[in-house]
Amino acid sequence: MAIDSKGLAEFKKNLLNEKNRIEKELGYFAKPTEKEGDFETQFDNIGNNMEDNASEVEEYADNLALENSLEKPLKEINEALDEIQKGTYGKCKKCGQEIDIDRLKVYPAARNCVKCD
C-alpha cells in the first residue's frame, strides 16, 4: 500500500523532529562540519597537569564514541528526507518493494523491508 500525502507529511515531521534532537545533542560537544550530518568532536583544554590531560583524553574519547553513534542515525534520517523530496521514500533499497507502513512507523528512516534487512 502506497503512503498517502498525509502519512508522508507525518513521516517527514517525525524525521525532522528526530534530526533536530540528534543535532542538538551533538551540538553539546561537537561542531557541524561543512558536510550535511557530519560533526567534529571538540577537544577541550581543561588544564596543563597530567590529571587534567587524562580527563581531557577520556572526555574526548567518550564524546567521539557518542558522536559516531549519533551520526549513523542522522545520516539515515537525512537520506530518508532526501527520498521524500525525490518521491522514492518507502521503497526497499535492495528489492524495490514497498516497506511496510508499520515498519516505517516504528523506524521512519528504514531503508529496507523486513525480508531484506
Protein backbone atom coordinates (compact mmCIF):
# COMPACT_ATOMS: atom_id res chain seq x y z
CA MET A 1 0.00 0.00 0.00
CA ALA A 2 1.44 3.36 -1.04
CA ILE A 3 1.92 6.11 1.51
CA ASP A 4 -0.68 8.86 1.15
CA SER A 5 0.25 12.54 1.40
CA LYS A 6 -0.98 12.82 5.00
CA GLY A 7 1.12 9.83 6.05
CA LEU A 8 4.12 11.16 4.16
CA ALA A 9 3.80 14.53 5.93
CA GLU A 10 3.67 12.74 9.29
CA PHE A 11 6.79 10.71 8.49
CA LYS A 12 8.59 13.87 7.39
CA LYS A 13 7.57 15.67 10.60
CA ASN A 14 8.82 12.77 12.74
CA LEU A 15 12.10 12.56 10.80
CA LEU A 16 12.70 16.31 11.16
CA ASN A 17 11.96 16.18 14.90
CA GLU A 18 14.42 13.34 15.38
CA LYS A 19 17.01 15.11 13.20
CA ASN A 20 16.70 18.24 15.35
CA ARG A 21 17.01 16.21 18.56
CA ILE A 22 20.17 14.44 17.37
CA GLU A 23 21.76 17.64 16.06
CA LYS A 24 21.01 19.38 19.36
CA GLU A 25 22.60 16.53 21.31
CA LEU A 26 25.65 16.56 19.03
CA GLY A 27 25.90 20.33 19.49
CA TYR A 28 26.73 19.89 23.17
CA PHE A 29 30.17 18.53 22.38
CA ALA A 30 30.76 18.74 18.62
CA LYS A 31 30.64 21.31 15.84
CA PRO A 32 28.99 20.69 12.48
CA THR A 33 31.32 20.46 9.51
CA GLU A 34 30.51 21.66 6.00
CA LYS A 35 29.18 18.20 5.10
CA GLU A 36 25.49 17.67 5.93
CA GLY A 37 25.08 15.47 9.01
CA ASP A 38 28.79 15.41 9.84
CA PHE A 39 30.11 16.70 13.15
CA GLU A 40 33.56 17.08 14.65
CA THR A 41 34.09 16.36 18.33
CA GLN A 42 35.86 19.17 20.15
CA PHE A 43 38.87 18.59 22.36
CA ASP A 44 38.53 20.76 25.48
CA ASN A 45 41.67 22.10 27.11
CA ILE A 46 40.96 21.72 30.83
CA GLY A 47 44.48 22.39 32.06
CA ASN A 48 48.14 21.55 31.78
CA ASN A 49 48.82 18.99 34.51
CA MET A 50 48.71 15.22 33.95
CA GLU A 51 45.36 14.74 35.70
CA ASP A 52 43.76 17.43 33.55
CA ASN A 53 45.27 15.90 30.41
CA ALA A 54 43.98 12.45 31.34
CA SER A 55 40.50 13.91 31.89
CA GLU A 56 40.65 15.67 28.52
CA VAL A 57 41.59 12.48 26.69
CA GLU A 58 38.93 10.43 28.47
CA GLU A 59 36.21 13.01 27.76
CA TYR A 60 37.29 13.29 24.12
CA ALA A 61 37.20 9.50 23.67
CA ASP A 62 33.74 9.30 25.23
CA ASN A 63 32.45 12.15 23.07
CA LEU A 64 33.96 10.69 19.91
CA ALA A 65 32.19 7.39 20.52
CA LEU A 66 28.93 9.21 21.15
CA GLU A 67 29.42 11.31 18.01
CA ASN A 68 29.88 8.17 15.92
CA SER A 69 26.79 6.51 17.39
CA LEU A 70 24.64 9.61 16.71
CA GLU A 71 25.91 10.32 13.20
CA LYS A 72 24.73 6.96 11.83
CA PRO A 73 21.01 7.51 12.52
CA LEU A 74 21.39 11.17 11.47
CA LYS A 75 22.75 10.00 8.11
CA GLU A 76 19.83 7.60 7.70
CA ILE A 77 17.35 10.36 8.58
CA ASN A 78 18.91 12.73 6.03
CA GLU A 79 18.72 10.00 3.39
CA ALA A 80 15.05 9.38 4.21
CA LEU A 81 14.30 13.11 3.96
CA ASP A 82 16.04 13.19 0.57
CA GLU A 83 13.93 10.25 -0.55
CA ILE A 84 10.76 12.06 0.50
CA GLN A 85 11.90 15.03 -1.59
CA LYS A 86 12.62 12.77 -4.60
CA GLY A 87 9.39 10.80 -4.23
CA THR A 88 11.15 7.49 -3.57
CA TYR A 89 10.50 7.23 0.19
CA GLY A 90 9.23 3.89 1.47
CA LYS A 91 10.85 1.68 -1.17
CA CYS A 92 13.28 -1.06 -0.15
CA LYS A 93 16.80 -0.27 -1.36
CA LYS A 94 17.53 -3.96 -2.02
CA CYS A 95 14.42 -5.41 -3.64
CA GLY A 96 12.47 -2.27 -4.62
CA GLN A 97 9.27 -3.37 -2.90
CA GLU A 98 7.33 -1.05 -0.62
CA ILE A 99 8.40 -1.06 3.01
CA ASP A 100 5.52 -1.96 5.32
CA ILE A 101 3.87 1.12 6.83
CA ASP A 102 4.05 -0.38 10.33
CA ARG A 103 7.83 -0.75 9.96
CA LEU A 104 8.12 2.89 8.88
CA LYS A 105 6.00 3.97 11.85
CA VAL A 106 8.47 2.27 14.18
CA TYR A 107 11.56 3.44 12.30
CA PRO A 108 10.80 6.11 9.68
CA ALA A 109 14.39 6.04 8.35
CA ALA A 110 14.18 2.33 7.47
CA ARG A 111 15.99 1.66 4.20
CA ASN A 112 14.91 -1.94 3.64
CA CYS A 113 11.86 -4.13 4.03
CA VAL A 114 11.84 -6.79 6.74
CA LYS A 115 12.74 -9.56 4.28
CA CYS A 116 15.86 -7.73 3.04
CA ASP A 117 17.06 -6.34 6.35
